[in-house]
Amino acid sequence: MFLYMIPIVSVDAGMRFLEESLTLQILLGGALIIVGVWIASRVSRLSTCSNSMVA
């Protein structure tokens, strides 16, 4: 799951070391990534719980 966070870390590094600006598009993209990671981890936990109930 941490692989999905690479773009966010890259933007942070660009702002710190290359003095790039933070735009609305970058913020929206970061928010979409965080929501996607949250959904993926939630679905993964739900499928694990339902599989353990069947057994």
PDB file of N, CA and C in Angstrom:
ATOM      1  N   MET A   1       0.812  -1.199   0.000  1.00  0.00           N
ATOM      2  CA  MET A   1       0.000   0.000   0.000  1.00  0.00           C
ATOM      3  C   MET A   1       0.856   1.265   0.000  1.00  0.00           C
ATOM      4  N   PHE A   2       2.071   1.181   0.524  1.00  0.00           N
ATOM      5  CA  PHE A   2       2.908   2.370   0.583  1.00  0.00           C
ATOM      6  C   PHE A   2       3.390   2.804  -0.791  1.00  0.00           C
ATOM      7  N   LEU A   3       3.332   1.928  -1.769  1.00  0.00           N
ATOM      8  CA  LEU A   3       3.742   2.311  -3.122  1.00  0.00           C
ATOM      9  C   LEU A   3       2.834   3.397  -3.692  1.00  0.00           C
ATOM     10  N   TYR A   4       1.586   3.412  -3.272  1.00  0.00           N
ATOM     11  CA  TYR A   4       0.657   4.422  -3.767  1.00  0.00           C
ATOM     12  C   TYR A   4       0.956   5.801  -3.198  1.00  0.00           C
ATOM     13  N   MET A   5       1.777   5.866  -2.161  1.00  0.00           N
ATOM     14  CA  MET A   5       2.108   7.144  -1.538  1.00  0.00           C
ATOM     15  C   MET A   5       3.328   7.808  -2.186  1.00  0.00           C
ATOM     16  N   ILE A   6       3.973   7.136  -3.122  1.00  0.00           N
ATOM     17  CA  ILE A   6       5.177   7.688  -3.765  1.00  0.00           C
ATOM     18  C   ILE A   6       4.912   9.041  -4.425  1.00  0.00           C
ATOM     19  N   PRO A   7       3.797   9.240  -5.146  1.00  0.00           N
ATOM     20  CA  PRO A   7       3.584  10.571  -5.746  1.00  0.00           C
ATOM     21  C   PRO A   7       3.484  11.688  -4.708  1.00  0.00           C
ATOM     22  N   ILE A   8       2.902  11.406  -3.565  1.00  0.00           N
ATOM     23  CA  ILE A   8       2.766  12.429  -2.528  1.00  0.00           C
ATOM     24  C   ILE A   8       4.133  12.772  -1.954  1.00  0.00           C
ATOM     25  N   VAL A   9       4.946  11.764  -1.696  1.00  0.00           N
ATOM     26  CA  VAL A   9       6.296  11.999  -1.192  1.00  0.00           C
ATOM     27  C   VAL A   9       7.123  12.741  -2.246  1.00  0.00           C
ATOM     28  N   SER A  10       6.923  12.423  -3.512  1.00  0.00           N
ATOM     29  CA  SER A  10       7.652  13.100  -4.590  1.00  0.00           C
ATOM     30  C   SER A  10       7.290  14.577  -4.678  1.00  0.00           C
ATOM     31  N   VAL A  11       6.024  14.893  -4.527  1.00  0.00           N
ATOM     32  CA  VAL A  11       5.602  16.294  -4.539  1.00  0.00           C
ATOM     33  C   VAL A  11       6.223  17.037  -3.360  1.00  0.00           C
ATOM     34  N   ASP A  12       6.219  16.414  -2.209  1.00  0.00           N
ATOM     35  CA  ASP A  12       6.829  17.032  -1.024  1.00  0.00           C
ATOM     36  C   ASP A  12       8.327  17.286  -1.261  1.00  0.00           C
ATOM     37  N   ALA A  13       9.006  16.312  -1.816  1.00  0.00           N
ATOM     38  CA  ALA A  13      10.438  16.474  -2.089  1.00  0.00           C
ATOM     39  C   ALA A  13      10.669  17.574  -3.125  1.00  0.00           C
ATOM     40  N   GLY A  14       9.819  17.650  -4.128  1.00  0.00           N
ATOM     41  CA  GLY A  14       9.944  18.702  -5.136  1.00  0.00           C
ATOM     42  C   GLY A  14       9.754  20.086  -4.547  1.00  0.00           C
ATOM     43  N   MET A  15       8.815  20.194  -3.614  1.00  0.00           N
ATOM     44  CA  MET A  15       8.589  21.485  -2.964  1.00  0.00           C
ATOM     45  C   MET A  15       9.770  21.878  -2.082  1.00  0.00           C
ATOM     46  N   ARG A  16      10.324  20.911  -1.370  1.00  0.00           N
ATOM     47  CA  ARG A  16      11.411  21.214  -0.445  1.00  0.00           C
ATOM     48  C   ARG A  16      12.739  21.491  -1.151  1.00  0.00           C
ATOM     49  N   PHE A  17      13.080  20.635  -2.119  1.00  0.00           N
ATOM     50  CA  PHE A  17      14.415  20.712  -2.718  1.00  0.00           C
ATOM     51  C   PHE A  17      14.473  21.473  -4.034  1.00  0.00           C
ATOM     52  N   LEU A  18      13.398  21.478  -4.801  1.00  0.00           N
ATOM     53  CA  LEU A  18      13.406  22.134  -6.107  1.00  0.00           C
ATOM     54  C   LEU A  18      12.568  23.408  -6.135  1.00  0.00           C
ATOM     55  N   GLU A  19      11.982  23.755  -4.983  1.00  0.00           N
ATOM     56  CA  GLU A  19      11.166  24.960  -4.832  1.00  0.00           C
ATOM     57  C   GLU A  19      10.013  25.014  -5.831  1.00  0.00           C
ATOM     58  N   GLU A  20       9.382  23.879  -6.060  1.00  0.00           N
ATOM     59  CA  GLU A  20       8.205  23.840  -6.923  1.00  0.00           C
ATOM     60  C   GLU A  20       7.003  24.342  -6.146  1.00  0.00           C
ATOM     61  N   SER A  21       6.008  24.838  -6.867  1.00  0.00           N
ATOM     62  CA  SER A  21       4.811  25.361  -6.204  1.00  0.00           C
ATOM     63  C   SER A  21       3.747  24.275  -6.079  1.00  0.00           C
ATOM     64  N   LEU A  22       2.918  24.442  -5.076  1.00  0.00           N
ATOM     65  CA  LEU A  22       1.817  23.509  -4.824  1.00  0.00           C
ATOM     66  C   LEU A  22       0.558  24.103  -5.440  1.00  0.00           C
ATOM     67  N   THR A  23      -0.021  23.415  -6.421  1.00  0.00           N
ATOM     68  CA  THR A  23      -1.202  23.924  -7.111  1.00  0.00           C
ATOM     69  C   THR A  23      -2.437  23.135  -6.690  1.00  0.00           C
ATOM     70  N   LEU A  24      -3.579  23.644  -7.090  1.00  0.00           N
ATOM     71  CA  LEU A  24      -4.844  22.983  -6.773  1.00  0.00           C
ATOM     72  C   LEU A  24      -4.905  21.588  -7.403  1.00  0.00           C
ATOM     73  N   GLN A  25      -4.389  21.437  -8.606  1.00  0.00           N
ATOM     74  CA  GLN A  25      -4.396  20.145  -9.272  1.00  0.00           C
ATOM     75  C   GLN A  25      -3.570  19.120  -8.494  1.00  0.00           C
ATOM     76  N   ILE A  26      -2.447  19.546  -7.957  1.00  0.00           N
ATOM     77  CA  ILE A  26      -1.603  18.636  -7.176  1.00  0.00           C
ATOM     78  C   ILE A  26      -2.314  18.234  -5.900  1.00  0.00           C
ATOM     79  N   LEU A  27      -2.972  19.185  -5.238  1.00  0.00           N
ATOM     80  CA  LEU A  27      -3.713  18.872  -4.019  1.00  0.00           C
ATOM     81  C   LEU A  27      -4.864  17.899  -4.287  1.00  0.00           C
ATOM     82  N   LEU A  28      -5.586  18.126  -5.371  1.00  0.00           N
ATOM     83  CA  LEU A  28      -6.688  17.226  -5.719  1.00  0.00           C
ATOM     84  C   LEU A  28      -6.171  15.833  -6.065  1.00  0.00           C
ATOM     85  N   GLY A  29      -5.065  15.757  -6.770  1.00  0.00           N
ATOM     86  CA  GLY A  29      -4.467  14.462  -7.093  1.00  0.00           C
ATOM     87  C   GLY A  29      -4.032  13.721  -5.838  1.00  0.00           C
ATOM     88  N   GLY A  30      -3.429  14.435  -4.902  1.00  0.00           N
ATOM     89  CA  GLY A  30      -3.030  13.820  -3.635  1.00  0.00           C
ATOM     90  C   GLY A  30      -4.223  13.325  -2.850  1.00  0.00           C
ATOM     91  N   ALA A  31      -5.294  14.108  -2.853  1.00  0.00           N
ATOM     92  CA  ALA A  31      -6.517  13.678  -2.156  1.00  0.00           C
ATOM     93  C   ALA A  31      -7.100  12.420  -2.796  1.00  0.00           C
ATOM     94  N   LEU A  32      -7.090  12.355  -4.113  1.00  0.00           N
ATOM     95  CA  LEU A  32      -7.590  11.153  -4.798  1.00  0.00           C
ATOM     96  C   LEU A  32      -6.749   9.921  -4.459  1.00  0.00           C
ATOM     97  N   ILE A  33      -5.451  10.099  -4.367  1.00  0.00           N
ATOM     98  CA  ILE A  33      -4.568   8.986  -4.015  1.00  0.00           C
ATOM     99  C   ILE A  33      -4.878   8.492  -2.600  1.00  0.00           C
ATOM    100  N   ILE A  34      -5.016   9.422  -1.666  1.00  0.00           N
ATOM    101  CA  ILE A  34      -5.292   9.037  -0.278  1.00  0.00           C
ATOM    102  C   ILE A  34      -6.637   8.329  -0.170  1.00  0.00           C
ATOM    103  N   VAL A  35      -7.653   8.834  -0.851  1.00  0.00           N
ATOM    104  CA  VAL A  35      -8.972   8.183  -0.834  1.00  0.00           C
ATOM    105  C   VAL A  35      -8.887   6.798  -1.471  1.00  0.00           C
ATOM    106  N   GLY A  36      -8.151   6.670  -2.551  1.00  0.00           N
ATOM    107  CA  GLY A  36      -8.001   5.365  -3.205  1.00  0.00           C
ATOM    108  C   GLY A  36      -7.300   4.356  -2.320  1.00  0.00           C
ATOM    109  N   VAL A  37      -6.268   4.783  -1.611  1.00  0.00           N
ATOM    110  CA  VAL A  37      -5.569   3.882  -0.688  1.00  0.00           C
ATOM    111  C   VAL A  37      -6.499   3.473   0.443  1.00  0.00           C
ATOM    112  N   TRP A  38      -7.276   4.413   0.951  1.00  0.00           N
ATOM    113  CA  TRP A  38      -8.221   4.113   2.033  1.00  0.00           C
ATOM    114  C   TRP A  38      -9.269   3.106   1.559  1.00  0.00           C
ATOM    115  N   ILE A  39      -9.815   3.296   0.372  1.00  0.00           N
ATOM    116  CA  ILE A  39     -10.819   2.365  -0.153  1.00  0.00           C
ATOM    117  C   ILE A  39     -10.208   0.991  -0.373  1.00  0.00           C
ATOM    118  N   ALA A  40      -9.018   0.939  -0.942  1.00  0.00           N
ATOM    119  CA  ALA A  40      -8.368  -0.348  -1.201  1.00  0.00           C
ATOM    120  C   ALA A  40      -8.091  -1.099   0.100  1.00  0.00           C
ATOM    121  N   SER A  41      -7.645  -0.398   1.115  1.00  0.00           N
ATOM    122  CA  SER A  41      -7.361  -1.075   2.384  1.00  0.00           C
ATOM    123  C   SER A  41      -8.653  -1.491   3.074  1.00  0.00           C
ATOM    124  N   ARG A  42      -9.699  -0.720   2.929  1.00  0.00           N
ATOM    125  CA  ARG A  42     -10.990  -1.077   3.535  1.00  0.00           C
ATOM    126  C   ARG A  42     -11.589  -2.304   2.861  1.00  0.00           C
ATOM    127  N   VAL A  43     -11.539  -2.339   1.546  1.00  0.00           N
ATOM    128  CA  VAL A  43     -12.075  -3.493   0.809  1.00  0.00           C
ATOM    129  C   VAL A  43     -11.266  -4.738   1.152  1.00  0.00           C
ATOM    130  N   SER A  44      -9.963  -4.589   1.282  1.00  0.00           N
ATOM    131  CA  SER A  44      -9.106  -5.719   1.631  1.00  0.00           C
ATOM    132  C   SER A  44      -9.477  -6.271   3.002  1.00  0.00           C
ATOM    133  N   ARG A  45      -9.720  -5.399   3.967  1.00  0.00           N
ATOM    134  CA  ARG A  45     -10.097  -5.849   5.310  1.00  0.00           C
ATOM    135  C   ARG A  45     -11.472  -6.497   5.308  1.00  0.00           C
ATOM    136  N   LEU A  46     -12.405  -5.933   4.529  1.00  0.00           N
ATOM    137  CA  LEU A  46     -13.752  -6.503   4.484  1.00  0.00           C
ATOM    138  C   LEU A  46     -13.750  -7.888   3.858  1.00  0.00           C
ATOM    139  N   SER A  47     -12.972  -8.086   2.796  1.00  0.00           N
ATOM    140  CA  SER A  47     -12.929  -9.402   2.164  1.00  0.00           C
ATOM    141  C   SER A  47     -12.247 -10.421   3.066  1.00  0.00           C
ATOM    142  N   THR A  48     -11.261  -9.988   3.856  1.00  0.00           N
ATOM    143  CA  THR A  48     -10.608 -10.888   4.795  1.00  0.00           C
ATOM    144  C   THR A  48     -11.568 -11.317   5.888  1.00  0.00           C
ATOM    145  N   CYS A  49     -12.374 -10.383   6.379  1.00  0.00           N
ATOM    146  CA  CYS A  49     -13.347 -10.708   7.424  1.00  0.00           C
ATOM    147  C   CYS A  49     -14.426 -11.646   6.895  1.00  0.00           C
ATOM    148  N   SER A  50     -14.899 -11.424   5.677  1.00  0.00           N
ATOM    149  CA  SER A  50     -15.959 -12.276   5.148  1.00  0.00           C
ATOM    150  C   SER A  50     -15.431 -13.674   4.832  1.00  0.00           C
ATOM    151  N   ASN A  51     -14.167 -13.794   4.413  1.00  0.00           N
ATOM    152  CA  ASN A  51     -13.570 -15.106   4.164  1.00  0.00           C
ATOM    153  C   ASN A  51     -13.409 -15.880   5.452  1.00  0.00           C
ATOM    154  N   SER A  52     -13.090 -15.225   6.550  1.00  0.00           N
ATOM    155  CA  SER A  52     -12.917 -15.940   7.826  1.00  0.00           C
ATOM    156  C   SER A  52     -14.262 -16.360   8.382  1.00  0.00           C
ATOM    157  N   MET A  53     -15.349 -15.690   8.040  1.00  0.00           N
ATOM    158  CA  MET A  53     -16.674 -16.083   8.511  1.00  0.00           C
ATOM    159  C   MET A  53     -17.165 -17.331   7.795  1.00  0.00           C
ATOM    160  N   VAL A  54     -16.767 -17.498   6.534  1.00  0.00           N
ATOM    161  CA  VAL A  54     -17.214 -18.645   5.752  1.00  0.00           C
ATOM    162  C   VAL A  54     -16.550 -19.924   6.267  1.00  0.00           C
ATOM    163  N   ALA A  55     -15.312 -19.858   6.634  1.00  0.00           N
ATOM    164  CA  ALA A  55     -14.565 -21.030   7.082  1.00  0.00           C
ATOM    165  C   ALA A  55     -14.996 -21.418   8.428  1.00  0.00           C
TER     166      ALA A  55
END
